[in-house]
Protein backbone atom coordinates (compact mmCIF):
# COMPACT_ATOMS: atom_id res chain seq x y z
CA UNK A 1 26.48 -66.56 -9.72
CA UNK A 2 23.91 -69.35 -9.34
CA UNK A 3 24.17 -72.79 -7.84
CA UNK A 4 20.94 -73.80 -9.56
CA UNK A 5 20.77 -75.71 -12.82
CA UNK A 6 18.38 -74.44 -15.49
CA UNK A 7 16.05 -77.39 -14.88
CA UNK A 8 15.87 -76.59 -11.18
CA UNK A 9 15.10 -72.94 -11.95
CA UNK A 10 12.25 -73.98 -14.26
CA UNK A 11 10.83 -76.37 -11.61
CA UNK A 12 11.05 -73.63 -9.01
CA UNK A 13 9.31 -71.05 -11.19
CA UNK A 14 6.56 -73.54 -12.01
CA UNK A 15 6.14 -74.26 -8.30
CA UNK A 16 5.85 -70.56 -7.55
CA UNK A 17 3.33 -70.14 -10.36
CA UNK A 18 1.24 -72.97 -8.90
CA UNK A 19 1.38 -71.46 -5.41
CA UNK A 20 0.44 -68.05 -6.81
CA UNK A 21 -2.52 -69.57 -8.67
CA UNK A 22 -3.67 -71.22 -5.44
CA UNK A 23 -3.32 -67.90 -3.62
CA UNK A 24 -5.39 -66.14 -6.29
CA UNK A 25 -8.19 -68.69 -5.88
CA UNK A 26 -8.18 -68.05 -2.13
CA UNK A 27 -8.25 -64.29 -2.75
CA UNK A 28 -11.21 -64.65 -5.09
CA UNK A 29 -13.11 -66.60 -2.44
CA UNK A 30 -12.30 -64.01 0.24
CA UNK A 31 -13.44 -61.21 -2.09
CA UNK A 32 -16.68 -63.05 -2.84
CA UNK A 33 -17.36 -63.27 0.88
CA UNK A 34 -16.36 -59.67 1.65
CA UNK A 35 -19.94 -58.66 2.43
CA UNK A 36 -20.75 -61.82 4.35
CA UNK A 37 -23.20 -61.37 7.20
CA UNK A 38 -24.17 -64.86 8.31
CA UNK A 39 -21.92 -66.44 10.94
CA UNK A 40 -21.22 -69.36 8.62
CA UNK A 41 -20.14 -67.09 5.75
CA UNK A 42 -18.02 -64.92 8.05
CA UNK A 43 -16.31 -68.06 9.41
CA UNK A 44 -15.70 -69.31 5.86
CA UNK A 45 -14.27 -65.92 4.83
CA UNK A 46 -11.97 -65.99 7.86
CA UNK A 47 -10.77 -69.52 7.04
CA UNK A 48 -10.00 -68.56 3.44
CA UNK A 49 -8.36 -65.33 4.61
CA UNK A 50 -6.10 -67.24 7.01
CA UNK A 51 -5.18 -69.72 4.28
CA UNK A 52 -4.36 -66.82 1.95
CA UNK A 53 -2.16 -65.18 4.61
CA UNK A 54 -0.29 -68.46 5.14
CA UNK A 55 0.24 -68.78 1.38
CA UNK A 56 1.53 -65.19 1.22
CA UNK A 57 4.04 -65.96 3.99
CA UNK A 58 5.12 -69.19 2.29
CA UNK A 59 5.65 -67.40 -1.04
CA UNK A 60 7.66 -64.64 0.61
CA UNK A 61 9.90 -66.93 2.67
CA UNK A 62 10.54 -69.28 -0.23
CA UNK A 63 11.35 -66.28 -2.42
CA UNK A 64 14.11 -65.28 -0.01
CA UNK A 65 15.69 -68.73 -0.15
CA UNK A 66 15.34 -69.30 -3.88
CA UNK A 67 16.47 -65.83 -4.93
CA UNK A 68 19.53 -66.24 -2.72
CA UNK A 69 20.34 -69.63 -4.26
CA UNK A 70 19.98 -68.11 -7.72
CA UNK A 71 22.55 -65.46 -6.83
CA UNK A 72 19.99 -62.64 -6.83
CA UNK A 73 21.21 -61.25 -3.52
CA UNK A 74 19.59 -57.81 -3.68
CA UNK A 75 16.19 -59.30 -4.53
CA UNK A 76 16.61 -61.84 -1.71
CA UNK A 77 17.50 -59.01 0.68
CA UNK A 78 14.42 -57.04 -0.35
CA UNK A 79 12.18 -60.05 0.27
CA UNK A 80 13.98 -60.73 3.55
CA UNK A 81 13.37 -57.15 4.66
CA UNK A 82 9.67 -57.45 3.86
CA UNK A 83 9.46 -60.79 5.67
CA UNK A 84 11.06 -59.29 8.76
CA UNK A 85 8.61 -56.37 8.64
CA UNK A 86 5.81 -58.93 8.53
CA UNK A 87 7.25 -60.69 11.58
CA UNK A 88 8.45 -63.73 9.65
CA UNK A 89 11.81 -65.39 10.31
CA UNK A 90 14.35 -65.28 7.48
CA UNK A 91 17.46 -66.66 9.18
CA UNK A 92 17.55 -69.49 6.63
CA UNK A 93 19.07 -67.16 4.03
CA UNK A 94 22.83 -66.95 4.68
CA UNK A 95 23.57 -64.28 2.08
CA UNK A 96 21.00 -61.84 3.39
CA UNK A 97 22.16 -62.47 6.95
CA UNK A 98 25.81 -62.01 6.02
CA UNK A 99 25.20 -58.74 4.20
CA UNK A 100 22.55 -57.20 6.45
CA UNK A 101 23.75 -53.63 7.21
CA UNK A 102 22.11 -53.77 10.65
CA UNK A 103 24.60 -56.51 11.61
CA UNK A 104 27.47 -54.01 11.46
CA UNK A 105 28.57 -52.16 14.60
């Protein structure tokens, strides 16, 4: 089922929790600047928004890989599907590639 040891799973979950916390801080900053009108504030909001989007992409792509390694194929496929819809590459996940129904003739 899973090639990951319990310790590796715990480290991975803690890493995801840290990334999610960082993303939430970025989201709070973007929300605080939602009504920005000065060019400086608009530029700051855009910078934080771009950083948040990059963190979202990182979380999604890493979810595909980690879920696949944990043997959670359906969850990995769901994340892979969402990543593809977002225009992100997910070829690094062999299980989702091997079982993708669109690969069949």
